[in-house]
Amino acid sequence: MRIAFHGSSLLSAVWNGAATYYRGVIRALHARGHRVAFFEPRAFGRQERADIDPPGWCEVVVWEPDAPGLRAVAARAAEFDAVIKCSGVGVLDAEIQEAVWSAARPGALRLYWDVDAPATLAGLEADPSDPLRAWLPRLDLVLTYGGGDPVIGRYRALGAQDCVPVYNALDPETHHPAAPEPRFAAGLAFLGNRLPDREARVEEFFLRPAAMLPGRDFLLGGSGWEGKDLPGNVRLLGHVSTREHNAFNCTPLAVLNVSRESMAANGHSPATRVFEVAGAGACLITDAWEGLDAFLAPGREVLVARDGAEVAEALEGLTPGRAARIGAAARSRTLRDHTYERRAAEVEARLEAALAGRAVA
């Protein structure tokens, strides 16, 4: 099958939390024999700070976000058996979906892939004139980054024929155990961009434990934290390239995951970082959210905290031996149940079922 993705960026993770997700899914689809092209606009300096080269497993088309660029992208839509518009491109979102879905050839599948369902659904429910609402009944399928039954129900209520979560996962060729690096040494490390939907939770789950444990070293990576008032035992790194994530995960005693407020509220939305850390065999401490136990076993494969005090308590009671056992168990579980190979097989089955339904119709 020939599949077109229209998304934020495959080449760059700069202000683009979906990069690892896109790479894992598309690389696995390629391994299953599909030919995939990813169309990404030149925007936000992403391509200038790309952290991978154009890969052999996907055609990457970087286009200028103007009228001629959009016409050129739309002109190629008829080449594909499935045309996917992803959420959060960041520029010309409505124009891209209108152009590429309208230009798709008769019989081709039209899909929306939502990598931030809570934000998208909030916008759709608040604005009846949102162009995506008119498209939903005409699309073959909506795929989402996560969300479980609440997200599925809300999309169906808006007219979607079907909605299927495709959860984050592990690409074991990309994220795996690595040698520690002294510059990432810490008792607890957190990696995430500064976002309004997450900042208060980072303050609670990361900065509060740092203040409670002044004798421990804490490490903060990600964009946007410059100028933030930090405890003296928190070291700021700035953006960390995806090439360095394995060492970042393997060096500290533990790594923290903090969900965005909307993702935690919806539940069933494991962040990419959950599987990156597990794939590296590192010990993960995560904030609590509904559905977590469907992915990792609390206490054995992951440590779970309901607030900053419980993060501090978990860290104080954590020995290197126990951290290693938790990391090893998480890696084993993730390799068994949560790889992008498995996710790609799910996507393939959904696409084939949609095509079969088209043929019957």
Foldseek 3Di string as FASTA:
>chain_A
DEEEEEAQDCFFCAVNQCNVVVVQQQLLLLVVPYAYEYEAEPDPCGVVVGQDDPDPSYHYHYFHPDDVRLLVVLQCLQVGQEYEYEPDNPGCSVVNLVSNVVSHDPLHAYEYEYAPLLVVLVVCVVDVPPVVLVCQQVGLEYEYQWQPPVSQVSSVVSRHPGYYYLYAADDLVQAAADDADVVLEWLEEEADADDPQFPVQCCKAPQVLCVVCVVTAYEYEEADCPPPDGPPRYDYDYHDRSNCLLNNLNRHQEYEDTDGNSDQVSFGHDRNVLNSNLRNLFAYEYEDGPPPCVQPNDPQQYDYDPTNVSSNVVSVPRDSVSRNRNSPRSNVSRVVPGGSNVSNVVVVVSSVVSSVVVVVD
